[in-house]
Amino acid sequence: MIIKNGNVVLRDGVKKQDIRIEGNVIAEIADHIEGEGIDAAGLTVFPGLIDMHVHFREPGYEYKEDIESGSRAAVKGGFTQVCCMPNTSPVCDNAAVAYFIRHRGEDVGLVKVHPIGAITKGENGEQLADIGGMKKQGVVALSDDGKSVANSKVMRFAMEYASNFGLTCLCHCEDKELVDGGVVNEGYSSTLTGLKGIPRAAEDIMIARDICLAQSLDLPVHICHVSTYSGVQLIRAAKQNGVKVTAETCPHYYAVTDSIIESFDSNTKVNPPIREEIDRLAIVEGLKDGTLDCIVTDHAPHHVNDKNVEYNMAAFGISGIETSFSFAITYLYRTGALTLCEIADKMSGAPARILGLEGGEIAVGKAADLTIANLEESYVVDSEKFVSKGKNTPFNGYELYGVVKYTVVDGKIKYREA
């Protein structure tokens, strides 16, 4: 395969280049390569996007999403690798479930599917899961996502034991006692709507706890879906002090504020909640200065029945894997907040480095995982056109720029815009 005339996002800048692929690797990058191929004139070629935080729901909740529908949504969104959180049923806390998820992804054959193992058995926060057995079956990290490991002693043991297998704990930071049944950010909009608020401190306290553990143990820790300005401050200070902490955020935290909950649309209900303008601005600044390493989707598809209920009863989560790239182009690149190289690093390079995955850059000898997009083309979000089973997005009607034209995985076209 040859990709011709594309604006290629390399580590040192964007250059008009041709790319020749042999087998599943990039064989040559040059100003001109003889031969026929994909004409990418006017298009931008990114390293294949990597989403290190998705919920594909299988096994157990296939009515919300399964690995096949999630994979089809992923390649449509430009993703070539995804990492599946373990809060399935049964929980991915043992080798058998990890094996199933990895091989199910291989059978579908669209996107590289990596399982993430639970930190504790059943995500109950009490006993460590079978970390060694899961590692043998390909888990790339550990997380009790959806819950914090409340017991600090258990969390310490988890970080120490995980390090023996070269794994990092990805931490969902939430003090459940402080959340106390809250469903939205605690602030003006929660007061206006009468919906019970969740204070920033519920997130920040656990971020601080996990930073303290990482510092005292001199071990890495990764903070999931950061949503607060104060959380960004904590992580920035920790990095300046040499703590081995990395962090991620999601499009809904840098693009919008909690004023969208005033519609009472249950599709705005997400955990942690969408917060205020001070938080949104801090998230953007954290992405700019490197405090926040990654952009993930936290793709959380739900059946319509899980959302078509009263706000307090609705499930948390947004189906976001098909719109994440476009949000980055619209709200970060076109606003001047991030360059294309920085977006490529946040959505591909950094996830690969943090999890030790192959990929994350366009270079000779590297995996031929590529995302090819038209950055000047726009579209209007219509969840009925999602290929994911989850139609739960609060962004219907939003105009976004950046349309994925091709997704190439291991040198094969896995998605081509119809």
Protein backbone atom coordinates (compact mmCIF):
# COMPACT_ATOMS: atom_id res chain seq x y z
CA MET A 1 0.00 0.00 0.00
CA ILE A 2 1.16 3.53 -0.80
CA ILE A 3 -0.41 6.65 0.71
CA LYS A 4 0.39 9.61 -1.49
CA ASN A 5 0.40 13.41 -1.07
CA GLY A 6 -0.80 13.42 2.52
CA ASN A 7 0.09 15.94 5.21
CA VAL A 8 1.83 13.50 7.54
CA VAL A 9 1.92 14.24 11.28
CA LEU A 10 5.42 13.28 12.37
CA ARG A 11 7.06 13.87 15.73
CA ASP A 12 8.99 16.88 14.41
CA GLY A 13 6.18 18.49 12.45
CA VAL A 14 3.66 18.09 9.66
CA LYS A 15 5.19 17.38 6.25
CA LYS A 16 3.77 16.53 2.84
CA GLN A 17 5.05 12.99 2.32
CA ASP A 18 4.29 9.66 0.72
CA ILE A 19 4.19 6.51 2.86
CA ARG A 20 4.88 2.98 1.61
CA ILE A 21 3.62 0.05 3.66
CA GLU A 22 4.92 -3.49 3.34
CA GLY A 23 3.03 -6.13 5.27
CA ASN A 24 2.08 -4.59 8.58
CA VAL A 25 4.90 -2.05 8.92
CA ILE A 26 5.86 1.30 7.42
CA ALA A 27 8.67 0.60 4.96
CA GLU A 28 9.39 4.08 3.57
CA ILE A 29 8.52 7.74 4.08
CA ALA A 30 9.65 10.06 1.32
CA ASP A 31 8.76 13.18 -0.67
CA HIS A 32 7.75 11.01 -3.62
CA ILE A 33 7.27 7.26 -3.96
CA GLU A 34 6.49 5.73 -7.35
CA GLY A 35 3.33 3.71 -7.66
CA GLU A 36 -0.43 3.84 -7.25
CA GLY A 37 -2.16 4.11 -3.92
CA ILE A 38 -4.51 6.12 -1.73
CA ASP A 39 -4.48 9.74 -2.85
CA ALA A 40 -4.42 11.67 0.43
CA ALA A 41 -4.09 15.11 -1.18
CA GLY A 42 -5.74 17.63 1.13
CA LEU A 43 -5.93 15.02 3.91
CA THR A 44 -3.92 14.69 7.11
CA VAL A 45 -2.29 11.41 8.13
CA PHE A 46 -2.04 10.77 11.88
CA PRO A 47 -0.49 7.86 13.72
CA GLY A 48 -3.32 5.44 14.45
CA LEU A 49 -5.32 6.77 17.39
CA ILE A 50 -5.17 4.81 20.65
CA ASP A 51 -8.01 5.01 23.18
CA MET A 52 -6.75 3.74 26.52
CA HIS A 53 -10.14 3.98 28.26
CA VAL A 54 -13.23 2.39 26.69
CA HIS A 55 -16.14 0.24 27.83
CA PHE A 56 -17.07 -2.35 25.21
CA ARG A 57 -19.36 -4.09 27.76
CA GLU A 58 -18.65 -7.66 26.64
CA PRO A 59 -18.96 -10.06 28.42
CA GLY A 60 -22.25 -9.55 30.20
CA TYR A 61 -23.75 -6.31 28.89
CA GLU A 62 -23.86 -6.99 25.17
CA TYR A 63 -27.23 -5.23 24.92
CA LYS A 64 -25.35 -1.96 25.57
CA GLU A 65 -22.33 -2.72 23.35
CA ASP A 66 -20.26 -5.71 22.32
CA ILE A 67 -16.71 -6.03 21.07
CA GLU A 68 -17.84 -6.18 17.44
CA SER A 69 -20.07 -3.08 17.54
CA GLY A 70 -17.49 -1.26 19.67
CA SER A 71 -14.74 -2.14 17.21
CA ARG A 72 -16.78 -0.86 14.27
CA ALA A 73 -17.40 2.38 16.15
CA ALA A 74 -13.71 2.63 17.01
CA VAL A 75 -12.41 2.39 13.46
CA LYS A 76 -15.08 4.82 12.27
CA GLY A 77 -13.75 7.23 14.88
CA GLY A 78 -10.17 6.74 13.66
CA PHE A 79 -8.98 4.44 16.44
CA THR A 80 -6.60 1.57 15.73
CA GLN A 81 -6.13 0.35 19.31
CA VAL A 82 -8.47 0.36 22.31
CA CYS A 83 -8.10 -0.70 25.93
CA CYS A 84 -11.23 -2.17 27.52
CA MET A 85 -12.02 -1.43 31.15
CA PRO A 86 -12.77 -4.47 33.33
CA ASN A 87 -16.22 -3.63 34.77
CA THR A 88 -17.93 -6.30 32.69
CA SER A 89 -19.99 -9.22 34.00
CA PRO A 90 -18.13 -11.26 35.03
CA VAL A 91 -15.50 -8.70 35.94
CA CYS A 92 -12.19 -9.04 34.09
CA ASP A 93 -10.35 -10.08 37.26
CA ASN A 94 -8.91 -13.39 36.05
CA ALA A 95 -7.03 -14.94 33.16
CA ALA A 96 -10.09 -16.54 31.55
CA VAL A 97 -11.98 -13.27 31.04
CA ALA A 98 -8.84 -11.48 29.85
CA TYR A 99 -8.24 -14.30 27.35
CA PHE A 100 -11.83 -14.07 26.13
CA ILE A 101 -11.71 -10.29 25.55
CA ARG A 102 -8.38 -10.39 23.73
CA HIS A 103 -9.36 -13.27 21.48
CA ARG A 104 -12.81 -11.87 20.82
CA GLY A 105 -11.11 -8.71 19.58
CA GLU A 106 -8.83 -10.79 17.35
CA ASP A 107 -11.81 -12.72 15.95
CA VAL A 108 -13.60 -9.48 15.05
CA GLY A 109 -10.38 -8.32 13.42
CA LEU A 110 -11.00 -4.59 13.11
CA VAL A 111 -9.14 -2.81 15.90
CA LYS A 112 -6.45 -4.03 18.29
CA VAL A 113 -8.36 -4.80 21.50
CA HIS A 114 -6.36 -4.84 24.74
CA PRO A 115 -7.98 -5.94 28.01
CA ILE A 116 -7.40 -4.02 31.24
CA GLY A 117 -7.56 -6.19 34.32
CA ALA A 118 -9.28 -5.36 37.59
CA ILE A 119 -7.10 -4.34 40.54
CA THR A 120 -9.25 -6.27 43.01
CA LYS A 121 -11.45 -9.34 42.80
CA GLY A 122 -14.90 -8.35 41.58
CA GLU A 123 -13.78 -4.70 41.83
CA ASN A 124 -14.77 -4.99 45.48
CA GLY A 125 -11.66 -3.23 46.76
CA GLU A 126 -10.69 -6.00 49.18
CA GLN A 127 -8.50 -8.74 47.68
CA LEU A 128 -6.06 -8.35 44.81
CA ALA A 129 -7.12 -9.95 41.54
CA ASP A 130 -5.06 -12.59 39.69
CA ILE A 131 -2.62 -10.04 38.31
CA GLY A 132 0.00 -12.53 37.16
CA GLY A 133 -2.51 -14.73 35.37
CA MET A 134 -4.11 -11.75 33.63
CA LYS A 135 -0.71 -10.43 32.56
CA LYS A 136 -0.03 -13.74 30.79
CA GLN A 137 -3.29 -13.24 28.86
CA GLY A 138 -2.39 -9.78 27.64
CA VAL A 139 -3.78 -7.21 30.05
CA VAL A 140 -1.96 -3.91 29.52
CA ALA A 141 -2.89 -2.19 32.81
CA LEU A 142 -4.98 -2.58 35.96
CA SER A 143 -8.02 -0.57 37.07
CA ASP A 144 -11.14 -0.84 39.19
CA ASP A 145 -12.66 1.80 36.90
CA GLY A 146 -16.09 2.87 38.02
CA LYS A 147 -14.83 2.65 41.58
CA SER A 148 -11.86 3.79 43.62
CA VAL A 149 -9.90 1.31 45.69
CA ALA A 150 -10.93 2.96 48.94
CA ASN A 151 -8.56 1.00 51.18
CA SER A 152 -5.18 2.72 50.90
CA LYS A 153 -3.31 -0.37 52.13
CA VAL A 154 -4.86 -2.49 49.38
CA MET A 155 -4.02 0.22 46.82
CA ARG A 156 -0.41 0.27 48.01
CA PHE A 157 -0.11 -3.51 47.68
CA ALA A 158 -1.70 -3.32 44.23
CA MET A 159 0.81 -0.74 42.97
CA GLU A 160 3.74 -2.73 44.37
CA TYR A 161 2.52 -6.06 42.99
CA ALA A 162 1.57 -4.58 39.60
CA SER A 163 5.05 -3.12 39.21
CA ASN A 164 6.52 -6.63 39.39
CA PHE A 165 4.63 -7.38 36.16
CA GLY A 166 5.42 -4.07 34.47
CA LEU A 167 1.81 -2.89 34.85
CA THR A 168 0.44 0.50 35.91
CA CYS A 169 -2.70 1.12 37.96
CA LEU A 170 -5.22 3.40 36.25
CA CYS A 171 -7.13 5.11 39.03
CA HIS A 172 -10.77 6.15 39.04
CA CYS A 173 -10.58 8.84 41.73
CA GLU A 174 -13.79 9.15 43.72
CA ASP A 175 -14.52 9.31 47.43
CA LYS A 176 -17.92 7.59 47.52
CA GLU A 177 -18.79 9.00 50.94
CA LEU A 178 -18.38 12.54 49.62
CA VAL A 179 -20.28 11.74 46.42
CA ASP A 180 -23.19 10.67 48.64
CA GLY A 181 -25.62 10.01 45.81
CA GLY A 182 -24.71 13.09 43.79
CA VAL A 183 -25.37 13.05 40.05
CA VAL A 184 -23.95 16.34 38.71
CA ASN A 185 -21.27 18.89 39.59
CA GLU A 186 -21.94 20.82 42.78
CA GLY A 187 -22.38 24.44 41.74
CA TYR A 188 -24.74 26.98 40.26
CA SER A 189 -26.36 24.58 37.78
CA SER A 190 -26.99 21.91 40.40
CA THR A 191 -28.63 24.54 42.60
CA LEU A 192 -30.73 25.79 39.68
CA THR A 193 -31.94 22.32 38.73
CA GLY A 194 -32.24 20.87 42.21
CA LEU A 195 -30.07 17.92 41.20
CA LYS A 196 -27.75 16.67 43.94
CA GLY A 197 -24.20 17.89 43.42
CA ILE A 198 -20.82 16.15 43.63
CA PRO A 199 -18.07 18.40 45.08
CA ARG A 200 -14.68 18.63 43.42
CA ALA A 201 -13.15 17.37 46.65
CA ALA A 202 -14.67 13.92 46.03
CA GLU A 203 -12.32 13.57 43.07
CA ASP A 204 -9.39 15.60 44.39
CA ILE A 205 -8.98 13.71 47.68
CA MET A 206 -8.42 10.43 45.85
CA ILE A 207 -6.12 12.05 43.28
CA ALA A 208 -4.02 13.35 46.18
CA ARG A 209 -4.05 9.92 47.88
CA ASP A 210 -2.83 8.14 44.77
CA ILE A 211 -0.16 10.78 44.13
CA CYS A 212 1.05 10.31 47.72
CA LEU A 213 1.29 6.55 47.21
CA ALA A 214 3.17 6.98 43.93
CA GLN A 215 5.58 9.39 45.59
CA SER A 216 6.26 7.25 48.65
CA LEU A 217 6.66 4.05 46.63
CA ASP A 218 8.47 5.72 43.70
CA LEU A 219 6.11 3.85 41.37
CA PRO A 220 3.98 5.07 38.45
CA VAL A 221 0.28 5.80 38.74
CA HIS A 222 -2.20 7.04 36.13
CA ILE A 223 -5.17 9.25 36.99
CA CYS A 224 -8.29 8.62 34.92
CA HIS A 225 -10.71 11.19 33.44
CA VAL A 226 -9.57 14.32 35.28
CA SER A 227 -12.40 16.88 35.48
CA THR A 228 -11.45 19.49 38.14
CA TYR A 229 -9.20 22.54 38.07
CA SER A 230 -7.88 21.55 41.50
CA GLY A 231 -7.08 18.05 40.26
CA VAL A 232 -5.01 19.57 37.45
CA GLN A 233 -3.15 21.66 40.05
CA LEU A 234 -2.39 18.59 42.17
CA ILE A 235 -1.06 16.63 39.19
CA ARG A 236 1.00 19.57 37.92
CA ALA A 237 2.65 20.04 41.32
CA ALA A 238 3.33 16.31 41.62
CA LYS A 239 5.00 16.21 38.21
CA GLN A 240 7.15 19.20 39.14
CA ASN A 241 8.23 17.26 42.24
CA GLY A 242 9.24 14.25 40.17
CA VAL A 243 6.32 11.97 41.04
CA LYS A 244 5.71 9.31 38.39
CA VAL A 245 2.14 10.36 37.69
CA THR A 246 0.37 10.54 34.33
CA ALA A 247 -3.19 11.63 33.65
CA GLU A 248 -5.97 11.73 31.08
CA THR A 249 -9.08 13.74 30.35
CA CYS A 250 -12.05 13.46 27.97
CA PRO A 251 -13.67 15.70 25.32
CA HIS A 252 -16.67 16.56 27.49
CA TYR A 253 -14.39 18.08 30.12
CA TYR A 254 -12.49 20.43 27.78
CA ALA A 255 -15.36 21.31 25.42
CA VAL A 256 -18.45 22.12 27.53
CA THR A 257 -19.56 23.13 31.01
CA ASP A 258 -22.19 21.87 33.41
CA SER A 259 -24.71 24.40 32.11
CA ILE A 260 -25.72 21.64 29.69
CA ILE A 261 -27.36 19.73 32.56
CA GLU A 262 -30.00 22.48 32.79
CA SER A 263 -31.80 20.72 29.92
CA PHE A 264 -32.30 17.71 32.25
CA ASP A 265 -31.09 15.57 29.34
CA SER A 266 -29.87 12.39 31.04
CA ASN A 267 -27.27 12.02 28.28
CA THR A 268 -25.35 14.79 30.08
CA LYS A 269 -24.96 12.54 33.13
CA VAL A 270 -21.39 11.27 33.33
CA ASN A 271 -18.98 10.28 36.09
CA PRO A 272 -17.05 12.34 37.06
CA PRO A 273 -19.54 15.07 36.19
CA ILE A 274 -19.02 17.83 33.65
CA ARG A 275 -17.93 20.84 35.67
CA GLU A 276 -17.70 24.63 35.41
CA GLU A 277 -15.82 27.08 33.18
CA ILE A 278 -12.92 27.37 35.63
CA ASP A 279 -12.47 23.62 35.33
CA ARG A 280 -12.83 23.56 31.55
CA LEU A 281 -10.18 26.24 31.14
CA ALA A 282 -7.83 24.41 33.53
CA ILE A 283 -8.29 21.16 31.59
CA VAL A 284 -7.33 22.94 28.35
CA GLU A 285 -4.31 24.53 30.05
CA GLY A 286 -3.35 21.13 31.48
CA LEU A 287 -3.39 19.65 28.00
CA LYS A 288 -1.31 22.54 26.69
CA ASP A 289 1.42 22.37 29.33
CA GLY A 290 1.63 18.58 29.51
CA THR A 291 0.05 18.13 32.94
CA LEU A 292 -2.59 16.00 31.22
CA ASP A 293 -0.85 13.43 29.03
CA CYS A 294 -3.73 11.83 27.18
CA ILE A 295 -7.15 12.40 25.70
CA VAL A 296 -9.41 9.36 26.06
CA THR A 297 -13.09 8.87 25.32
CA ASP A 298 -14.26 6.94 28.41
CA HIS A 299 -16.66 5.55 25.78
CA ALA A 300 -19.63 4.40 27.89
CA PRO A 301 -22.45 3.17 25.66
CA HIS A 302 -25.85 2.48 27.20
CA HIS A 303 -29.14 1.07 26.00
CA VAL A 304 -31.84 3.68 25.52
CA ASN A 305 -33.74 2.25 28.50
CA ASP A 306 -30.79 3.05 30.78
CA LYS A 307 -31.01 6.73 29.85
CA ASN A 308 -34.69 7.28 29.08
CA VAL A 309 -35.59 7.64 32.77
CA GLU A 310 -35.53 10.36 35.42
CA TYR A 311 -32.14 12.05 35.70
CA ASN A 312 -31.39 10.63 39.14
CA MET A 313 -32.14 7.09 37.94
CA ALA A 314 -30.23 7.26 34.65
CA ALA A 315 -26.91 5.50 34.07
CA PHE A 316 -23.71 7.54 34.00
CA GLY A 317 -21.84 7.77 30.71
CA ILE A 318 -21.48 9.18 27.20
CA SER A 319 -20.99 7.25 23.96
CA GLY A 320 -18.02 9.13 22.58
CA ILE A 321 -15.65 7.05 20.49
CA GLU A 322 -17.08 8.20 17.14
CA THR A 323 -16.83 11.92 17.96
CA SER A 324 -13.65 12.20 20.07
CA PHE A 325 -11.25 12.96 17.21
CA SER A 326 -13.57 15.61 15.80
CA PHE A 327 -13.87 17.24 19.24
CA ALA A 328 -10.09 17.50 19.41
CA ILE A 329 -9.88 19.11 15.98
CA THR A 330 -12.80 21.47 16.66
CA TYR A 331 -12.13 22.52 20.25
CA LEU A 332 -8.35 22.17 20.52
CA TYR A 333 -6.75 22.48 17.08
CA ARG A 334 -9.04 25.04 15.46
CA THR A 335 -8.97 27.18 18.62
CA GLY A 336 -5.17 27.17 18.65
CA ALA A 337 -4.89 25.35 21.97
CA LEU A 338 -2.95 22.39 20.56
CA THR A 339 -0.97 21.71 17.39
CA LEU A 340 -1.61 18.65 15.25
CA CYS A 341 1.58 17.09 16.60
CA GLU A 342 0.36 17.66 20.16
CA ILE A 343 -3.05 16.15 19.39
CA ALA A 344 -1.32 13.13 17.82
CA ASP A 345 0.71 12.70 20.97
CA LYS A 346 -2.27 13.06 23.33
CA MET A 347 -4.37 10.59 21.33
CA SER A 348 -1.69 8.13 20.21
CA GLY A 349 1.91 8.66 21.33
CA ALA A 350 1.34 9.15 25.06
CA PRO A 351 -1.10 6.22 25.48
CA ALA A 352 1.42 3.96 23.71
CA ARG A 353 4.25 5.12 26.00
CA ILE A 354 2.23 4.85 29.23
CA LEU A 355 0.96 1.34 28.49
CA GLY A 356 3.99 0.04 26.59
CA LEU A 357 2.05 -0.54 23.36
CA GLU A 358 3.54 -0.77 19.89
CA GLY A 359 2.56 2.23 17.79
CA GLY A 360 1.98 5.85 18.60
CA GLU A 361 4.10 7.39 15.85
CA ILE A 362 4.62 7.36 12.10
CA ALA A 363 8.16 6.12 11.44
CA VAL A 364 9.94 3.57 9.27
CA GLY A 365 9.81 0.15 10.88
CA LYS A 366 6.81 1.02 13.05
CA ALA A 367 3.38 -0.60 12.85
CA ALA A 368 1.35 0.59 9.86
CA ASP A 369 -1.49 1.97 11.98
CA LEU A 370 -2.76 5.21 10.46
CA THR A 371 -5.72 7.56 10.70
CA ILE A 372 -6.39 9.66 7.59
CA ALA A 373 -8.79 12.59 7.93
CA ASN A 374 -10.09 15.74 6.29
CA LEU A 375 -9.66 18.48 8.88
CA GLU A 376 -11.57 21.09 6.89
CA GLU A 377 -14.72 19.01 6.44
CA SER A 378 -17.47 19.37 9.02
CA TYR A 379 -20.54 17.37 9.94
CA VAL A 380 -23.45 17.62 12.36
CA VAL A 381 -23.57 15.00 15.11
CA ASP A 382 -26.52 12.63 14.70
CA SER A 383 -26.48 9.74 17.15
CA GLU A 384 -28.85 7.74 14.95
CA LYS A 385 -25.92 7.43 12.54
CA PHE A 386 -23.61 6.01 15.22
CA VAL A 387 -22.52 2.45 14.54
CA SER A 388 -22.09 1.95 18.28
CA LYS A 389 -25.12 0.45 20.00
CA GLY A 390 -24.87 3.38 22.41
CA LYS A 391 -26.70 6.43 21.05
CA ASN A 392 -26.29 8.28 24.36
CA THR A 393 -24.61 11.56 23.50
CA PRO A 394 -25.58 15.06 24.64
CA PHE A 395 -23.96 16.50 21.51
CA ASN A 396 -26.64 15.86 18.88
CA GLY A 397 -26.77 18.87 16.58
CA TYR A 398 -23.20 20.01 17.30
CA GLU A 399 -21.18 20.91 14.20
CA LEU A 400 -17.73 19.32 14.39
CA TYR A 401 -14.71 19.50 12.10
CA GLY A 402 -12.46 16.59 11.23
CA VAL A 403 -13.91 13.67 9.27
CA VAL A 404 -12.08 10.34 9.30
CA LYS A 405 -11.71 9.05 5.74
CA TYR A 406 -9.59 5.92 6.31
CA THR A 407 -8.47 3.90 9.30
CA VAL A 408 -5.54 1.57 8.56
CA VAL A 409 -4.62 -1.18 11.03
CA ASP A 410 -1.49 -3.28 10.44
CA GLY A 411 -1.37 -2.12 6.84
CA LYS A 412 -4.98 -3.02 6.04
CA ILE A 413 -7.87 -0.61 5.50
CA LYS A 414 -10.37 -1.35 8.26
CA TYR A 415 -12.58 1.68 7.66
CA ARG A 416 -13.22 3.76 4.56
CA GLU A 417 -15.81 6.52 4.61
CA ALA A 418 -18.74 5.49 2.45
